[in-house]
Structure formats: C-alpha cells, structure tokens
C-alpha cells in the first residue's frame, strides 16, 4: 500500500533519560515497517505530547514500561537500555499500510 511518494524517513520525538522534557528531542529515522499482523502504519499529519508524555519523561511508570519493553522484545537478561523511548501517542493521519489481520473501518 505504501507508494513511492511517501518519504523513507520519518520524525519522532525521543526521550534519552528520565530528566523531564529537557532530555527529549526530535530525530529523523527510517520509516517503520509492519512487523505484526495487527499493526498499521500511519502517515502522521499532526501529533502532540500530552500530560502523560510529560509524566513519562519525569520517570512515571518507568518500571512498568521497562517490563513491557522486555516482554515485547524478548530482551530478558540482555542488559539493553530502555532508551531512547518514543513519546507522542496522540496522532492524526492516514493509514498507508497494514498487517494482514488489521481491521478496516476504524
């Protein structure tokens, strides 16, 4: 579904540590790819950081987030850092690609 007109780079706001939003900055990275059948890829028109992102930047929920990251990636015992974390879960845009099990009409 992803056409040639879509940029191959994307921007994301990453958090490098739990020292508040001063440890967050925007970077360019490769456009994500669909890895799971229920995922969708969204060409984001706009996004924002919300109060939960601010709290996460201050360390709120860091133990739970680390446990989820380890469970999802299978990195148990790897000693891998949990950073950078990607902030900003409020987005609007257009779905440009989807996994085979993603539902339409949402």
C-alpha atoms as a PDB file:
ATOM      1  CA  UNK A   1       0.000   0.000   0.000  1.00  0.00           C
ATOM      2  CA  UNK A   2       2.955   2.357   0.614  1.00  0.00           C
ATOM      3  CA  UNK A   3       3.594   4.313  -2.561  1.00  0.00           C
ATOM      4  CA  UNK A   4       6.825   5.773  -3.859  1.00  0.00           C
ATOM      5  CA  UNK A   5       5.700   9.275  -2.892  1.00  0.00           C
ATOM      6  CA  UNK A   6       5.983   8.536   0.854  1.00  0.00           C
ATOM      7  CA  UNK A   7       9.220   9.692   2.426  1.00  0.00           C
ATOM      8  CA  UNK A   8      11.559   6.944   3.514  1.00  0.00           C
ATOM      9  CA  UNK A   9      12.456   8.939   6.627  1.00  0.00           C
ATOM     10  CA  UNK A  10      10.176   9.817   9.489  1.00  0.00           C
ATOM     11  CA  UNK A  11      10.484  12.081  12.504  1.00  0.00           C
ATOM     12  CA  UNK A  12       9.936  11.063  16.092  1.00  0.00           C
ATOM     13  CA  UNK A  13      10.297  12.650  19.494  1.00  0.00           C
ATOM     14  CA  UNK A  14      12.618  10.541  21.602  1.00  0.00           C
ATOM     15  CA  UNK A  15      13.428  10.616  25.287  1.00  0.00           C
ATOM     16  CA  UNK A  16      17.064   9.949  26.260  1.00  0.00           C
ATOM     17  CA  UNK A  17      16.558   9.804  30.038  1.00  0.00           C
ATOM     18  CA  UNK A  18      14.110  10.443  32.875  1.00  0.00           C
ATOM     19  CA  UNK A  19      15.157  14.059  33.449  1.00  0.00           C
ATOM     20  CA  UNK A  20      11.994  15.664  32.114  1.00  0.00           C
ATOM     21  CA  UNK A  21      11.303  17.037  28.678  1.00  0.00           C
ATOM     22  CA  UNK A  22      14.806  18.555  28.513  1.00  0.00           C
ATOM     23  CA  UNK A  23      16.011  15.036  27.625  1.00  0.00           C
ATOM     24  CA  UNK A  24      13.579  14.849  24.666  1.00  0.00           C
ATOM     25  CA  UNK A  25      14.341  15.848  21.097  1.00  0.00           C
ATOM     26  CA  UNK A  26      13.115  15.223  17.555  1.00  0.00           C
ATOM     27  CA  UNK A  27      15.168  12.996  15.251  1.00  0.00           C
ATOM     28  CA  UNK A  28      14.804  11.578  11.762  1.00  0.00           C
ATOM     29  CA  UNK A  29      14.831   7.819  11.365  1.00  0.00           C
ATOM     30  CA  UNK A  30      13.880   5.169   8.848  1.00  0.00           C
ATOM     31  CA  UNK A  31      10.170   4.788   8.247  1.00  0.00           C
ATOM     32  CA  UNK A  32       8.863   1.930  10.411  1.00  0.00           C
ATOM     33  CA  UNK A  33       7.766  -1.306   8.772  1.00  0.00           C
ATOM     34  CA  UNK A  34       4.847  -3.549   9.647  1.00  0.00           C
ATOM     35  CA  UNK A  35       6.142  -6.381  11.865  1.00  0.00           C
ATOM     36  CA  UNK A  36       2.922  -7.821  13.291  1.00  0.00           C
ATOM     37  CA  UNK A  37      -0.332  -8.791  11.554  1.00  0.00           C
ATOM     38  CA  UNK A  38      -2.415  -6.330  13.633  1.00  0.00           C
ATOM     39  CA  UNK A  39      -0.188  -3.266  13.120  1.00  0.00           C
ATOM     40  CA  UNK A  40      -0.908  -0.269  10.919  1.00  0.00           C
ATOM     41  CA  UNK A  41       1.469   2.347   9.532  1.00  0.00           C
ATOM     42  CA  UNK A  42       0.104   5.883   9.717  1.00  0.00           C
ATOM     43  CA  UNK A  43       1.373   8.855   7.726  1.00  0.00           C
ATOM     44  CA  UNK A  44       1.035  11.388  10.514  1.00  0.00           C
ATOM     45  CA  UNK A  45      -0.405  14.796   9.696  1.00  0.00           C
ATOM     46  CA  UNK A  46      -0.137  16.128  13.246  1.00  0.00           C
ATOM     47  CA  UNK A  47       0.898  14.887  16.662  1.00  0.00           C
ATOM     48  CA  UNK A  48       1.278  16.189  20.171  1.00  0.00           C
ATOM     49  CA  UNK A  49       2.787  15.469  23.532  1.00  0.00           C
ATOM     50  CA  UNK A  50       0.184  15.164  26.251  1.00  0.00           C
ATOM     51  CA  UNK A  51       0.401  15.301  30.067  1.00  0.00           C
ATOM     52  CA  UNK A  52       1.122  11.543  30.220  1.00  0.00           C
ATOM     53  CA  UNK A  53       4.157  12.029  27.957  1.00  0.00           C
ATOM     54  CA  UNK A  54       5.384  14.729  30.365  1.00  0.00           C
ATOM     55  CA  UNK A  55       4.919  12.374  33.315  1.00  0.00           C
ATOM     56  CA  UNK A  56       6.728   9.584  31.437  1.00  0.00           C
ATOM     57  CA  UNK A  57       9.627  11.981  30.775  1.00  0.00           C
ATOM     58  CA  UNK A  58       9.796  12.501  34.546  1.00  0.00           C
ATOM     59  CA  UNK A  59      10.004   8.725  35.114  1.00  0.00           C
ATOM     60  CA  UNK A  60       6.351   7.954  35.842  1.00  0.00           C
ATOM     61  CA  UNK A  61       5.646   4.291  35.067  1.00  0.00           C
ATOM     62  CA  UNK A  62       9.256   3.523  34.157  1.00  0.00           C
ATOM     63  CA  UNK A  63       9.219   0.085  35.827  1.00  0.00           C
ATOM     64  CA  UNK A  64       6.050  -0.950  34.006  1.00  0.00           C
ATOM     65  CA  UNK A  65       7.312   0.423  30.680  1.00  0.00           C
ATOM     66  CA  UNK A  66      10.603  -1.443  31.061  1.00  0.00           C
ATOM     67  CA  UNK A  67       8.764  -4.699  31.833  1.00  0.00           C
ATOM     68  CA  UNK A  68       6.542  -4.275  28.758  1.00  0.00           C
ATOM     69  CA  UNK A  69       9.520  -3.471  26.534  1.00  0.00           C
ATOM     70  CA  UNK A  70      11.347  -6.588  27.706  1.00  0.00           C
ATOM     71  CA  UNK A  71       8.257  -8.771  27.248  1.00  0.00           C
ATOM     72  CA  UNK A  72       7.609  -7.461  23.732  1.00  0.00           C
ATOM     73  CA  UNK A  73      11.195  -7.680  22.529  1.00  0.00           C
ATOM     74  CA  UNK A  74      12.384 -10.840  24.264  1.00  0.00           C
ATOM     75  CA  UNK A  75      15.396  -8.972  25.671  1.00  0.00           C
ATOM     76  CA  UNK A  76      15.344 -10.650  29.099  1.00  0.00           C
ATOM     77  CA  UNK A  77      18.842 -10.581  30.559  1.00  0.00           C
ATOM     78  CA  UNK A  78      20.303  -8.634  27.640  1.00  0.00           C
ATOM     79  CA  UNK A  79      21.336  -5.637  29.727  1.00  0.00           C
ATOM     80  CA  UNK A  80      19.975  -3.440  26.916  1.00  0.00           C
ATOM     81  CA  UNK A  81      18.965   0.124  27.779  1.00  0.00           C
ATOM     82  CA  UNK A  82      15.322   1.140  27.648  1.00  0.00           C
ATOM     83  CA  UNK A  83      16.315   4.385  25.938  1.00  0.00           C
ATOM     84  CA  UNK A  84      15.546   6.012  23.667  1.00  0.00           C
ATOM     85  CA  UNK A  85      11.802   5.954  24.300  1.00  0.00           C
ATOM     86  CA  UNK A  86       9.447   7.397  21.706  1.00  0.00           C
ATOM     87  CA  UNK A  87       6.992   9.991  23.028  1.00  0.00           C
ATOM     88  CA  UNK A  88       3.753  11.207  21.459  1.00  0.00           C
ATOM     89  CA  UNK A  89       0.857   8.830  21.140  1.00  0.00           C
ATOM     90  CA  UNK A  90      -1.731  11.423  20.079  1.00  0.00           C
ATOM     91  CA  UNK A  91      -1.698  11.461  16.279  1.00  0.00           C
ATOM     92  CA  UNK A  92      -3.942  12.096  13.318  1.00  0.00           C
ATOM     93  CA  UNK A  93      -3.189  10.974   9.803  1.00  0.00           C
ATOM     94  CA  UNK A  94      -3.826   8.414   7.092  1.00  0.00           C
ATOM     95  CA  UNK A  95      -3.250   4.668   7.266  1.00  0.00           C
ATOM     96  CA  UNK A  96      -0.783   3.874   4.454  1.00  0.00           C
ATOM     97  CA  UNK A  97      -0.011   0.222   5.202  1.00  0.00           C
ATOM     98  CA  UNK A  98      -1.405  -2.530   7.393  1.00  0.00           C
ATOM     99  CA  UNK A  99      -0.746  -6.052   8.530  1.00  0.00           C
ATOM    100  CA  UNK A 100      -2.956  -8.878   7.314  1.00  0.00           C
ATOM    101  CA  UNK A 101      -5.096  -9.008  10.466  1.00  0.00           C
ATOM    102  CA  UNK A 102      -5.656  -5.259  10.831  1.00  0.00           C
ATOM    103  CA  UNK A 103      -9.357  -4.362  10.735  1.00  0.00           C
ATOM    104  CA  UNK A 104     -10.654  -1.740   8.338  1.00  0.00           C
ATOM    105  CA  UNK A 105     -13.185   0.962   9.145  1.00  0.00           C
ATOM    106  CA  UNK A 106     -11.833   2.103  12.492  1.00  0.00           C
END
